[in-house]
Amino acid sequence: MLCCVSLGQQKDNKAMLTLTTGTEVTVEPRARAESQPKVFVLRNQSFAACLVKDFYPKKLSLTLSAPSSPLTEPLQATAPTAQGTYSAVGIAQFGKVETVTCSVQHGSMQINMTEGQDAAPAHPGSERSRQSDPAGPERRFSAQSGSENPQESVLTCSEWSFTEDREWGNMLSVVILALRVLLVKSIALNFLLTIQASCC
């Protein structure tokens, strides 16, 4: 937030400092080619997080769903990255045994990521076949293009690999960012409520 400060003079020749409402400035990444998001679902005993990485432009719809309603209102945050793209996170509390699905709409691309299900076999026409380690845990990832005749392609990947170790660190960074945003909001709300209570 930028504030405007002006120095004036009152009738009795005393200096007067005036602060006025400023302009909020938001720095956005430079325009670039469209980048499709990478979607991950993290889960512990009661919370589920949907992490969406490296997408551009900023407009994105993120939904966490399960067979029953979430126990808490889902929280979402979007932040720019150093690479000129965006990352987003959605966090909600669900029951322990529920399977959570993260649905992301970005432009004409619809991405659904479900954690806790066995991977479906790859379609014969898909670009990637099922070549991951059969002993390792797998995730189901389905992507539908926004064309008139959408064809579903199922991609499977091993949950732990050398490249995903770095991705895991990036995902944790996004979760920490979301928790920091939540903490700052709760501190600001407590501060405002304390001021309001002391004024009345």
N, C-alpha and C. Protein backbone atom coordinates (compact mmCIF):
# COMPACT_ATOMS: atom_id res chain seq x y z
N MET A 1 0.85 -1.18 0.00
CA MET A 1 0.00 0.00 0.00
C MET A 1 0.89 1.23 0.00
N LEU A 2 0.67 2.13 -0.93
CA LEU A 2 1.41 3.39 -0.99
C LEU A 2 0.55 4.49 -0.39
N CYS A 3 1.15 5.32 0.45
CA CYS A 3 0.43 6.43 1.08
C CYS A 3 0.94 7.75 0.53
N CYS A 4 0.05 8.71 0.48
CA CYS A 4 0.42 10.04 0.01
C CYS A 4 0.62 10.94 1.23
N VAL A 5 1.77 11.57 1.33
CA VAL A 5 2.09 12.47 2.45
C VAL A 5 2.30 13.86 1.88
N SER A 6 1.59 14.84 2.43
CA SER A 6 1.78 16.23 1.98
C SER A 6 2.06 17.12 3.18
N LEU A 7 2.93 18.09 2.97
CA LEU A 7 3.30 19.03 4.03
C LEU A 7 2.63 20.36 3.72
N GLY A 8 1.82 20.81 4.64
CA GLY A 8 1.10 22.07 4.44
C GLY A 8 1.34 23.02 5.60
N GLN A 9 0.60 24.13 5.60
CA GLN A 9 0.76 25.12 6.66
C GLN A 9 -0.62 25.53 7.16
N GLN A 10 -0.76 25.58 8.49
CA GLN A 10 -2.02 26.01 9.08
C GLN A 10 -2.04 27.52 9.20
N LYS A 11 -3.19 28.06 9.67
CA LYS A 11 -3.35 29.51 9.78
C LYS A 11 -2.35 30.12 10.75
N ASP A 12 -1.99 29.38 11.80
CA ASP A 12 -1.06 29.94 12.79
C ASP A 12 0.40 29.64 12.43
N ASN A 13 0.67 29.43 11.15
CA ASN A 13 2.02 29.20 10.62
C ASN A 13 2.72 27.96 11.18
N LYS A 14 1.94 27.00 11.66
CA LYS A 14 2.52 25.74 12.11
C LYS A 14 2.48 24.74 10.96
N ALA A 15 3.51 23.92 10.89
CA ALA A 15 3.57 22.91 9.82
C ALA A 15 2.52 21.84 10.07
N MET A 16 1.92 21.38 9.00
CA MET A 16 0.88 20.37 9.11
C MET A 16 1.23 19.22 8.16
N LEU A 17 1.22 18.01 8.69
CA LEU A 17 1.51 16.82 7.90
C LEU A 17 0.20 16.09 7.64
N THR A 18 -0.11 15.86 6.37
CA THR A 18 -1.38 15.22 6.01
C THR A 18 -1.11 13.86 5.37
N LEU A 19 -1.72 12.83 5.92
CA LEU A 19 -1.64 11.49 5.34
C LEU A 19 -2.98 11.18 4.68
N THR A 20 -2.93 10.77 3.44
CA THR A 20 -4.17 10.43 2.74
C THR A 20 -4.11 8.98 2.26
N THR A 21 -5.27 8.49 1.89
CA THR A 21 -5.36 7.11 1.42
C THR A 21 -4.52 6.94 0.17
N GLY A 22 -3.77 5.85 0.13
CA GLY A 22 -2.89 5.61 -0.99
C GLY A 22 -3.48 4.66 -2.00
N THR A 23 -2.64 4.16 -2.84
CA THR A 23 -3.04 3.24 -3.90
C THR A 23 -2.41 1.88 -3.64
N GLU A 24 -3.21 0.84 -3.71
CA GLU A 24 -2.68 -0.50 -3.54
C GLU A 24 -2.03 -0.95 -4.85
N VAL A 25 -0.77 -1.38 -4.76
CA VAL A 25 -0.03 -1.80 -5.94
C VAL A 25 0.24 -3.29 -5.84
N THR A 26 -0.16 -4.04 -6.85
CA THR A 26 0.09 -5.48 -6.91
C THR A 26 1.01 -5.76 -8.08
N VAL A 27 2.12 -6.43 -7.80
CA VAL A 27 3.09 -6.77 -8.85
C VAL A 27 2.76 -8.15 -9.38
N GLU A 28 2.45 -8.22 -10.66
CA GLU A 28 2.11 -9.48 -11.32
C GLU A 28 3.27 -9.92 -12.20
N PRO A 29 3.40 -11.24 -12.42
CA PRO A 29 4.46 -11.71 -13.33
C PRO A 29 4.25 -11.18 -14.74
N ARG A 30 5.34 -11.07 -15.49
CA ARG A 30 5.28 -10.61 -16.87
C ARG A 30 4.47 -11.61 -17.70
N ALA A 31 3.75 -11.09 -18.70
CA ALA A 31 2.94 -11.96 -19.57
C ALA A 31 3.83 -13.00 -20.24
N ARG A 32 3.34 -14.22 -20.32
CA ARG A 32 4.11 -15.31 -20.88
C ARG A 32 3.17 -16.32 -21.53
N ALA A 33 3.73 -17.34 -22.12
CA ALA A 33 2.92 -18.37 -22.77
C ALA A 33 2.12 -19.14 -21.72
N GLU A 34 0.96 -19.63 -22.13
CA GLU A 34 0.11 -20.39 -21.20
C GLU A 34 0.84 -21.64 -20.74
N SER A 35 0.73 -21.91 -19.44
CA SER A 35 1.38 -23.08 -18.85
C SER A 35 0.34 -23.89 -18.09
N GLN A 36 0.25 -25.18 -18.38
CA GLN A 36 -0.74 -26.04 -17.73
C GLN A 36 -0.27 -26.41 -16.32
N PRO A 37 -1.20 -26.51 -15.38
CA PRO A 37 -0.82 -26.78 -13.99
C PRO A 37 -0.44 -28.23 -13.74
N LYS A 38 0.36 -28.42 -12.69
CA LYS A 38 0.66 -29.75 -12.16
C LYS A 38 -0.11 -29.85 -10.85
N VAL A 39 -0.86 -30.92 -10.66
CA VAL A 39 -1.77 -31.05 -9.52
C VAL A 39 -1.32 -32.21 -8.64
N PHE A 40 -1.30 -31.97 -7.31
CA PHE A 40 -0.92 -32.99 -6.34
C PHE A 40 -1.92 -32.95 -5.19
N VAL A 41 -2.19 -34.11 -4.61
CA VAL A 41 -3.06 -34.20 -3.44
C VAL A 41 -2.24 -34.78 -2.29
N LEU A 42 -2.22 -34.06 -1.16
CA LEU A 42 -1.54 -34.52 0.05
C LEU A 42 -2.60 -34.81 1.10
N ARG A 43 -2.36 -35.81 1.93
CA ARG A 43 -3.38 -36.18 2.92
C ARG A 43 -2.70 -36.66 4.19
N ASN A 44 -3.22 -36.21 5.35
CA ASN A 44 -2.82 -36.80 6.62
C ASN A 44 -4.08 -37.35 7.28
N GLN A 45 -4.09 -37.50 8.59
CA GLN A 45 -5.23 -38.11 9.27
C GLN A 45 -6.54 -37.38 9.01
N SER A 46 -6.53 -36.06 9.06
CA SER A 46 -7.80 -35.33 8.94
C SER A 46 -7.81 -34.24 7.88
N PHE A 47 -6.66 -33.75 7.46
CA PHE A 47 -6.61 -32.66 6.49
C PHE A 47 -6.18 -33.15 5.12
N ALA A 48 -6.70 -32.50 4.10
CA ALA A 48 -6.30 -32.77 2.72
C ALA A 48 -5.88 -31.45 2.09
N ALA A 49 -4.82 -31.50 1.30
CA ALA A 49 -4.34 -30.30 0.61
C ALA A 49 -4.22 -30.61 -0.87
N CYS A 50 -4.68 -29.68 -1.68
CA CYS A 50 -4.54 -29.78 -3.13
C CYS A 50 -3.53 -28.71 -3.56
N LEU A 51 -2.42 -29.15 -4.13
CA LEU A 51 -1.37 -28.23 -4.54
C LEU A 51 -1.35 -28.15 -6.07
N VAL A 52 -1.38 -26.94 -6.58
CA VAL A 52 -1.38 -26.71 -8.02
C VAL A 52 -0.16 -25.84 -8.32
N LYS A 53 0.72 -26.33 -9.20
CA LYS A 53 1.99 -25.64 -9.45
C LYS A 53 2.15 -25.23 -10.90
N ASP A 54 2.94 -24.19 -11.09
CA ASP A 54 3.46 -23.78 -12.40
C ASP A 54 2.39 -23.56 -13.45
N PHE A 55 1.37 -22.77 -13.12
CA PHE A 55 0.34 -22.49 -14.13
C PHE A 55 0.34 -21.01 -14.47
N TYR A 56 -0.09 -20.71 -15.68
CA TYR A 56 -0.25 -19.34 -16.17
C TYR A 56 -1.30 -19.39 -17.28
N PRO A 57 -2.23 -18.48 -17.32
CA PRO A 57 -2.46 -17.29 -16.49
C PRO A 57 -3.01 -17.65 -15.11
N LYS A 58 -3.26 -16.58 -14.33
CA LYS A 58 -3.60 -16.75 -12.93
C LYS A 58 -4.97 -17.37 -12.70
N LYS A 59 -5.92 -17.11 -13.60
CA LYS A 59 -7.30 -17.56 -13.38
C LYS A 59 -7.36 -19.08 -13.31
N LEU A 60 -7.87 -19.59 -12.17
CA LEU A 60 -7.91 -21.02 -11.93
C LEU A 60 -9.03 -21.32 -10.94
N SER A 61 -9.75 -22.39 -11.16
CA SER A 61 -10.80 -22.82 -10.23
C SER A 61 -10.35 -24.12 -9.58
N LEU A 62 -10.33 -24.15 -8.24
CA LEU A 62 -9.85 -25.30 -7.49
C LEU A 62 -10.95 -25.77 -6.54
N THR A 63 -11.27 -27.07 -6.56
CA THR A 63 -12.32 -27.62 -5.71
C THR A 63 -11.83 -28.90 -5.06
N LEU A 64 -12.00 -29.00 -3.74
CA LEU A 64 -11.74 -30.24 -3.01
C LEU A 64 -13.08 -30.89 -2.72
N SER A 65 -13.23 -32.16 -3.06
CA SER A 65 -14.51 -32.82 -2.83
C SER A 65 -14.30 -34.22 -2.27
N ALA A 66 -15.33 -34.72 -1.60
CA ALA A 66 -15.35 -36.06 -1.02
C ALA A 66 -16.80 -36.51 -0.98
N PRO A 67 -17.06 -37.79 -0.66
CA PRO A 67 -18.45 -38.25 -0.59
C PRO A 67 -19.33 -37.42 0.34
N SER A 68 -18.77 -36.92 1.43
CA SER A 68 -19.53 -36.03 2.31
C SER A 68 -18.87 -34.66 2.34
N SER A 69 -19.57 -33.68 2.89
CA SER A 69 -19.06 -32.31 2.92
C SER A 69 -17.83 -32.21 3.81
N PRO A 70 -16.92 -31.26 3.51
CA PRO A 70 -15.76 -31.08 4.39
C PRO A 70 -16.19 -30.59 5.77
N LEU A 71 -15.39 -30.95 6.78
CA LEU A 71 -15.69 -30.55 8.16
C LEU A 71 -15.42 -29.07 8.39
N THR A 72 -14.54 -28.49 7.60
CA THR A 72 -14.24 -27.06 7.70
C THR A 72 -14.37 -26.42 6.33
N GLU A 73 -14.54 -25.11 6.31
CA GLU A 73 -14.61 -24.37 5.05
C GLU A 73 -13.23 -24.42 4.38
N PRO A 74 -13.15 -24.85 3.12
CA PRO A 74 -11.84 -24.91 2.45
C PRO A 74 -11.18 -23.54 2.35
N LEU A 75 -9.88 -23.51 2.58
CA LEU A 75 -9.08 -22.29 2.45
C LEU A 75 -8.25 -22.38 1.19
N GLN A 76 -8.14 -21.26 0.46
CA GLN A 76 -7.37 -21.25 -0.78
C GLN A 76 -6.46 -20.04 -0.82
N ALA A 77 -5.29 -20.22 -1.42
CA ALA A 77 -4.35 -19.11 -1.60
C ALA A 77 -3.60 -19.32 -2.91
N THR A 78 -3.34 -18.22 -3.61
CA THR A 78 -2.59 -18.25 -4.86
C THR A 78 -1.44 -17.26 -4.74
N ALA A 79 -0.26 -17.67 -5.21
CA ALA A 79 0.92 -16.80 -5.11
C ALA A 79 1.76 -16.91 -6.38
N PRO A 80 2.40 -15.79 -6.79
CA PRO A 80 3.31 -15.86 -7.95
C PRO A 80 4.61 -16.56 -7.57
N THR A 81 5.26 -17.16 -8.55
CA THR A 81 6.55 -17.81 -8.32
C THR A 81 7.66 -17.00 -9.00
N ALA A 82 8.89 -17.34 -8.69
CA ALA A 82 10.04 -16.64 -9.28
C ALA A 82 10.16 -16.91 -10.77
N GLN A 83 9.54 -17.98 -11.25
CA GLN A 83 9.62 -18.33 -12.67
C GLN A 83 8.57 -17.61 -13.51
N GLY A 84 7.77 -16.76 -12.90
CA GLY A 84 6.74 -16.03 -13.64
C GLY A 84 5.44 -16.78 -13.79
N THR A 85 5.29 -17.88 -13.07
CA THR A 85 4.04 -18.64 -13.07
C THR A 85 3.37 -18.47 -11.71
N TYR A 86 2.31 -19.22 -11.48
CA TYR A 86 1.60 -19.15 -10.21
C TYR A 86 1.53 -20.53 -9.57
N SER A 87 1.38 -20.54 -8.26
CA SER A 87 1.11 -21.75 -7.50
C SER A 87 -0.09 -21.48 -6.61
N ALA A 88 -0.89 -22.51 -6.38
CA ALA A 88 -2.08 -22.36 -5.54
C ALA A 88 -2.18 -23.55 -4.61
N VAL A 89 -2.86 -23.35 -3.49
CA VAL A 89 -3.09 -24.44 -2.54
C VAL A 89 -4.50 -24.31 -1.99
N GLY A 90 -5.16 -25.42 -1.81
CA GLY A 90 -6.46 -25.48 -1.15
C GLY A 90 -6.37 -26.49 -0.03
N ILE A 91 -6.86 -26.14 1.16
CA ILE A 91 -6.77 -27.01 2.33
C ILE A 91 -8.15 -27.12 2.96
N ALA A 92 -8.55 -28.34 3.32
CA ALA A 92 -9.83 -28.56 4.01
C ALA A 92 -9.70 -29.77 4.92
N GLN A 93 -10.60 -29.85 5.90
CA GLN A 93 -10.61 -30.98 6.83
C GLN A 93 -11.72 -31.94 6.43
N PHE A 94 -11.37 -33.23 6.32
CA PHE A 94 -12.31 -34.27 5.94
C PHE A 94 -12.26 -35.39 6.96
N GLY A 95 -13.20 -36.32 6.84
CA GLY A 95 -13.17 -37.52 7.68
C GLY A 95 -11.97 -38.39 7.35
N LYS A 96 -11.57 -39.24 8.29
CA LYS A 96 -10.34 -40.02 8.14
C LYS A 96 -10.41 -41.02 6.98
N VAL A 97 -11.57 -41.60 6.73
CA VAL A 97 -11.64 -42.68 5.73
C VAL A 97 -12.11 -42.20 4.37
N GLU A 98 -12.35 -40.92 4.21
CA GLU A 98 -12.89 -40.42 2.95
C GLU A 98 -11.80 -40.26 1.89
N THR A 99 -12.16 -40.57 0.66
CA THR A 99 -11.28 -40.36 -0.48
C THR A 99 -11.53 -38.95 -1.01
N VAL A 100 -10.47 -38.17 -1.12
CA VAL A 100 -10.59 -36.77 -1.52
C VAL A 100 -10.15 -36.61 -2.98
N THR A 101 -10.94 -35.85 -3.72
CA THR A 101 -10.63 -35.55 -5.12
C THR A 101 -10.41 -34.06 -5.27
N CYS A 102 -9.34 -33.70 -5.96
CA CYS A 102 -9.05 -32.29 -6.26
C CYS A 102 -9.38 -32.05 -7.72
N SER A 103 -10.29 -31.12 -7.98
CA SER A 103 -10.68 -30.77 -9.35
C SER A 103 -10.17 -29.38 -9.67
N VAL A 104 -9.45 -29.25 -10.77
CA VAL A 104 -8.86 -27.97 -11.17
C VAL A 104 -9.33 -27.64 -12.59
N GLN A 105 -9.87 -26.44 -12.75
CA GLN A 105 -10.25 -25.94 -14.08
C GLN A 105 -9.31 -24.79 -14.41
N HIS A 106 -8.52 -24.95 -15.48
CA HIS A 106 -7.59 -23.91 -15.90
C HIS A 106 -7.74 -23.73 -17.40
N GLY A 107 -8.35 -22.62 -17.81
CA GLY A 107 -8.64 -22.42 -19.22
C GLY A 107 -9.60 -23.49 -19.70
N SER A 108 -9.25 -24.19 -20.76
CA SER A 108 -10.12 -25.25 -21.29
C SER A 108 -9.75 -26.62 -20.73
N MET A 109 -8.78 -26.69 -19.82
CA MET A 109 -8.31 -27.96 -19.28
C MET A 109 -8.97 -28.25 -17.94
N GLN A 110 -9.55 -29.44 -17.81
CA GLN A 110 -10.12 -29.92 -16.55
C GLN A 110 -9.23 -31.04 -16.04
N ILE A 111 -8.71 -30.91 -14.82
CA ILE A 111 -7.83 -31.91 -14.24
C ILE A 111 -8.45 -32.41 -12.94
N ASN A 112 -8.57 -33.73 -12.80
CA ASN A 112 -9.08 -34.35 -11.58
C ASN A 112 -7.99 -35.25 -11.01
N MET A 113 -7.64 -35.03 -9.74
CA MET A 113 -6.61 -35.84 -9.10
C MET A 113 -7.21 -36.44 -7.85
N THR A 114 -7.15 -37.76 -7.73
CA THR A 114 -7.71 -38.46 -6.57
C THR A 114 -6.59 -39.17 -5.84
N GLU A 115 -6.53 -38.99 -4.54
CA GLU A 115 -5.53 -39.67 -3.72
C GLU A 115 -6.19 -40.85 -3.02
N GLY A 116 -5.50 -41.94 -2.93
CA GLY A 116 -6.02 -43.08 -2.18
C GLY A 116 -6.71 -44.12 -3.04
N GLN A 117 -6.70 -43.97 -4.36
CA GLN A 117 -7.27 -44.98 -5.25
C GLN A 117 -6.17 -45.63 -6.05
N ASP A 118 -6.40 -46.89 -6.44
CA ASP A 118 -5.45 -47.56 -7.33
C ASP A 118 -5.51 -46.91 -8.69
N ALA A 119 -4.38 -46.88 -9.35
CA ALA A 119 -4.34 -46.27 -10.68
C ALA A 119 -5.09 -47.14 -11.68
N ALA A 120 -5.86 -46.49 -12.54
CA ALA A 120 -6.58 -47.22 -13.58
C ALA A 120 -5.61 -47.56 -14.70
N PRO A 121 -5.85 -48.65 -15.44
CA PRO A 121 -4.96 -48.98 -16.55
C PRO A 121 -4.99 -47.92 -17.62
N ALA A 122 -3.87 -47.73 -18.28
CA ALA A 122 -3.78 -46.70 -19.31
C ALA A 122 -4.57 -47.11 -20.54
N HIS A 123 -5.19 -46.15 -21.21
CA HIS A 123 -5.90 -46.43 -22.45
C HIS A 123 -4.89 -46.75 -23.54
N PRO A 124 -5.23 -47.62 -24.50
CA PRO A 124 -4.27 -47.98 -25.54
C PRO A 124 -3.77 -46.77 -26.33
N GLY A 125 -4.61 -45.76 -26.53
CA GLY A 125 -4.21 -44.61 -27.34
C GLY A 125 -3.49 -43.53 -26.56
N SER A 126 -3.29 -43.72 -25.27
CA SER A 126 -2.66 -42.66 -24.49
C SER A 126 -1.17 -42.61 -24.78
N GLU A 127 -0.58 -41.43 -24.58
CA GLU A 127 0.82 -41.22 -24.92
C GLU A 127 1.74 -41.98 -23.98
N ARG A 128 1.34 -42.13 -22.71
CA ARG A 128 2.19 -42.79 -21.75
C ARG A 128 1.55 -44.10 -21.33
N SER A 129 2.30 -45.16 -21.33
CA SER A 129 1.78 -46.44 -20.87
C SER A 129 2.12 -46.60 -19.40
N ARG A 130 1.55 -47.64 -18.80
CA ARG A 130 1.75 -47.86 -17.38
C ARG A 130 3.07 -48.59 -17.18
N GLN A 131 4.15 -47.83 -16.96
CA GLN A 131 5.47 -48.42 -16.84
C GLN A 131 6.08 -48.15 -15.48
N SER A 132 5.30 -47.70 -14.54
CA SER A 132 5.85 -47.40 -13.23
C SER A 132 6.06 -48.69 -12.45
N ASP A 133 6.77 -48.60 -11.37
CA ASP A 133 7.06 -49.76 -10.53
C ASP A 133 5.76 -50.31 -9.97
N PRO A 134 5.39 -51.58 -10.27
CA PRO A 134 4.12 -52.10 -9.77
C PRO A 134 4.09 -52.23 -8.26
N ALA A 135 5.27 -52.31 -7.62
CA ALA A 135 5.28 -52.45 -6.16
C ALA A 135 5.09 -51.12 -5.47
N GLY A 136 5.40 -50.03 -6.15
CA GLY A 136 5.32 -48.72 -5.52
C GLY A 136 3.91 -48.17 -5.54
N PRO A 137 3.57 -47.25 -4.60
CA PRO A 137 2.24 -46.65 -4.61
C PRO A 137 2.06 -45.79 -5.84
N GLU A 138 0.84 -45.73 -6.35
CA GLU A 138 0.57 -44.96 -7.55
C GLU A 138 -0.60 -44.04 -7.31
N ARG A 139 -0.68 -43.00 -8.15
CA ARG A 139 -1.77 -42.04 -8.09
C ARG A 139 -2.54 -42.08 -9.39
N ARG A 140 -3.81 -41.72 -9.33
CA ARG A 140 -4.61 -41.66 -10.54
C ARG A 140 -4.71 -40.21 -10.97
N PHE A 141 -4.39 -39.95 -12.21
CA PHE A 141 -4.44 -38.59 -12.76
C PHE A 141 -5.20 -38.66 -14.06
N SER A 142 -6.31 -37.95 -14.15
CA SER A 142 -7.04 -37.93 -15.41
C SER A 142 -7.13 -36.51 -15.90
N ALA A 143 -6.88 -36.31 -17.19
CA ALA A 143 -6.91 -34.98 -17.78
C ALA A 143 -7.84 -35.01 -18.97
N GLN A 144 -8.76 -34.04 -19.03
CA GLN A 144 -9.67 -33.94 -20.16
C GLN A 144 -9.45 -32.61 -20.83
N SER A 145 -9.28 -32.63 -22.14
CA SER A 145 -9.16 -31.37 -22.86
C SER A 145 -10.53 -30.77 -23.02
N GLY A 146 -10.59 -29.49 -23.34
CA GLY A 146 -11.87 -28.81 -23.47
C GLY A 146 -12.45 -28.90 -24.87
N SER A 147 -12.03 -29.84 -25.71
CA SER A 147 -12.53 -29.94 -27.07
C SER A 147 -13.94 -30.52 -27.07
N GLU A 148 -14.55 -30.58 -28.25
CA GLU A 148 -15.91 -31.08 -28.35
C GLU A 148 -15.98 -32.56 -28.03
N ASN A 149 -14.98 -33.32 -28.41
CA ASN A 149 -14.94 -34.75 -28.13
C ASN A 149 -13.82 -35.04 -27.14
N PRO A 150 -14.03 -34.75 -25.85
CA PRO A 150 -12.95 -34.95 -24.89
C PRO A 150 -12.63 -36.42 -24.75
N GLN A 151 -11.34 -36.74 -24.78
CA GLN A 151 -10.90 -38.10 -24.55
C GLN A 151 -10.09 -38.12 -23.28
N GLU A 152 -10.40 -39.07 -22.42
CA GLU A 152 -9.72 -39.15 -21.14
C GLU A 152 -8.42 -39.92 -21.30
N SER A 153 -7.35 -39.36 -20.80
CA SER A 153 -6.08 -40.08 -20.78
C SER A 153 -5.66 -40.24 -19.34
N VAL A 154 -5.26 -41.42 -18.97
CA VAL A 154 -4.88 -41.71 -17.59
C VAL A 154 -3.38 -41.87 -17.54
N LEU A 155 -2.75 -41.10 -16.68
CA LEU A 155 -1.30 -41.16 -16.51
C LEU A 155 -1.02 -41.68 -15.12
N THR A 156 -0.11 -42.61 -15.00
CA THR A 156 0.26 -43.09 -13.68
C THR A 156 1.74 -42.85 -13.46
N CYS A 157 2.10 -42.64 -12.21
CA CYS A 157 3.51 -42.42 -11.92
C CYS A 157 3.81 -42.93 -10.53
N SER A 158 5.03 -43.30 -10.31
CA SER A 158 5.45 -43.74 -8.99
C SER A 158 5.44 -42.55 -8.06
N GLU A 159 4.97 -42.76 -6.82
CA GLU A 159 4.82 -41.64 -5.91
C GLU A 159 6.16 -41.10 -5.44
N TRP A 160 7.15 -41.95 -5.32
CA TRP A 160 8.46 -41.50 -4.86
C TRP A 160 9.50 -41.73 -5.94
N SER A 161 10.10 -40.71 -6.42
CA SER A 161 11.19 -40.80 -7.38
C SER A 161 12.13 -39.64 -7.11
N PHE A 162 13.28 -39.65 -7.78
CA PHE A 162 14.26 -38.59 -7.52
C PHE A 162 13.70 -37.22 -7.88
N THR A 163 13.00 -37.14 -8.99
CA THR A 163 12.46 -35.84 -9.38
C THR A 163 11.34 -35.41 -8.45
N GLU A 164 10.56 -36.36 -7.94
CA GLU A 164 9.44 -36.00 -7.08
C GLU A 164 9.89 -35.61 -5.69
N ASP A 165 11.12 -36.01 -5.28
CA ASP A 165 11.62 -35.55 -4.00
C ASP A 165 11.72 -34.03 -3.99
N ARG A 166 12.19 -33.47 -5.11
CA ARG A 166 12.25 -32.01 -5.22
C ARG A 166 10.85 -31.43 -5.27
N GLU A 167 9.96 -32.11 -5.99
CA GLU A 167 8.58 -31.64 -6.08
C GLU A 167 7.94 -31.66 -4.69
N TRP A 168 8.24 -32.68 -3.92
CA TRP A 168 7.69 -32.78 -2.56
C TRP A 168 8.13 -31.58 -1.73
N GLY A 169 9.40 -31.20 -1.85
CA GLY A 169 9.88 -30.01 -1.13
C GLY A 169 9.17 -28.76 -1.58
N ASN A 170 8.92 -28.64 -2.88
CA ASN A 170 8.18 -27.49 -3.40
C ASN A 170 6.75 -27.47 -2.87
N MET A 171 6.13 -28.65 -2.82
CA MET A 171 4.75 -28.72 -2.33
C MET A 171 4.68 -28.31 -0.86
N LEU A 172 5.65 -28.77 -0.08
CA LEU A 172 5.66 -28.38 1.33
C LEU A 172 5.82 -26.87 1.47
N SER A 173 6.62 -26.27 0.59
CA SER A 173 6.78 -24.81 0.62
C SER A 173 5.46 -24.10 0.37
N VAL A 174 4.67 -24.61 -0.57
CA VAL A 174 3.37 -24.01 -0.86
C VAL A 174 2.42 -24.17 0.32
N VAL A 175 2.44 -25.35 0.97
CA VAL A 175 1.59 -25.56 2.14
C VAL A 175 1.98 -24.61 3.26
N ILE A 176 3.28 -24.45 3.48
CA ILE A 176 3.75 -23.52 4.51
C ILE A 176 3.32 -22.10 4.19
N LEU A 177 3.39 -21.71 2.91
CA LEU A 177 2.93 -20.39 2.49
C LEU A 177 1.45 -20.20 2.83
N ALA A 178 0.64 -21.20 2.53
CA ALA A 178 -0.80 -21.10 2.83
C ALA A 178 -1.05 -21.00 4.32
N LEU A 179 -0.31 -21.76 5.12
CA LEU A 179 -0.48 -21.68 6.57
C LEU A 179 -0.03 -20.33 7.11
N ARG A 180 1.01 -19.76 6.51
CA ARG A 180 1.45 -18.42 6.94
C ARG A 180 0.38 -17.37 6.62
N VAL A 181 -0.22 -17.48 5.43
CA VAL A 181 -1.31 -16.55 5.07
C VAL A 181 -2.44 -16.67 6.07
N LEU A 182 -2.80 -17.91 6.43
CA LEU A 182 -3.87 -18.14 7.40
C LEU A 182 -3.50 -17.54 8.76
N LEU A 183 -2.25 -17.71 9.19
CA LEU A 183 -1.80 -17.17 10.47
C LEU A 183 -1.87 -15.65 10.47
N VAL A 184 -1.41 -15.01 9.40
CA VAL A 184 -1.43 -13.55 9.32
C VAL A 184 -2.87 -13.04 9.35
N LYS A 185 -3.77 -13.72 8.65
CA LYS A 185 -5.18 -13.30 8.65
C LYS A 185 -5.78 -13.43 10.04
N SER A 186 -5.48 -14.52 10.74
CA SER A 186 -6.05 -14.69 12.08
C SER A 186 -5.47 -13.67 13.06
N ILE A 187 -4.18 -13.35 12.94
CA ILE A 187 -3.59 -12.32 13.81
C ILE A 187 -4.22 -10.96 13.53
N ALA A 188 -4.40 -10.63 12.24
CA ALA A 188 -5.03 -9.35 11.89
C ALA A 188 -6.45 -9.28 12.42
N LEU A 189 -7.21 -10.36 12.31
CA LEU A 189 -8.58 -10.38 12.81
C LEU A 189 -8.61 -10.22 14.32
N ASN A 190 -7.73 -10.92 15.04
CA ASN A 190 -7.66 -10.77 16.49
C ASN A 190 -7.30 -9.34 16.89
N PHE A 191 -6.37 -8.74 16.15
CA PHE A 191 -5.96 -7.36 16.43
C PHE A 191 -7.13 -6.40 16.24
N LEU A 192 -7.87 -6.56 15.14
CA LEU A 192 -9.02 -5.68 14.88
C LEU A 192 -10.12 -5.87 15.92
N LEU A 193 -10.39 -7.11 16.30
CA LEU A 193 -11.42 -7.37 17.32
C LEU A 193 -11.01 -6.80 18.68
N THR A 194 -9.71 -6.88 18.99
CA THR A 194 -9.22 -6.31 20.26
C THR A 194 -9.38 -4.80 20.26
N ILE A 195 -9.05 -4.15 19.15
CA ILE A 195 -9.21 -2.69 19.06
C ILE A 195 -10.68 -2.31 19.16
N GLN A 196 -11.54 -3.06 18.48
CA GLN A 196 -12.97 -2.76 18.52
C GLN A 196 -13.52 -2.93 19.93
N ALA A 197 -13.08 -3.98 20.64
CA ALA A 197 -13.57 -4.22 21.99
C ALA A 197 -13.08 -3.13 22.95
N SER A 198 -11.86 -2.64 22.75
CA SER A 198 -11.33 -1.62 23.66
C SER A 198 -11.93 -0.25 23.38
N CYS A 199 -12.39 -0.01 22.14
CA CYS A 199 -12.98 1.29 21.81
C CYS A 199 -14.42 1.40 22.29
N CYS A 200 -15.13 0.30 22.38
CA CYS A 200 -16.56 0.35 22.73
C CYS A 200 -16.79 0.29 24.21
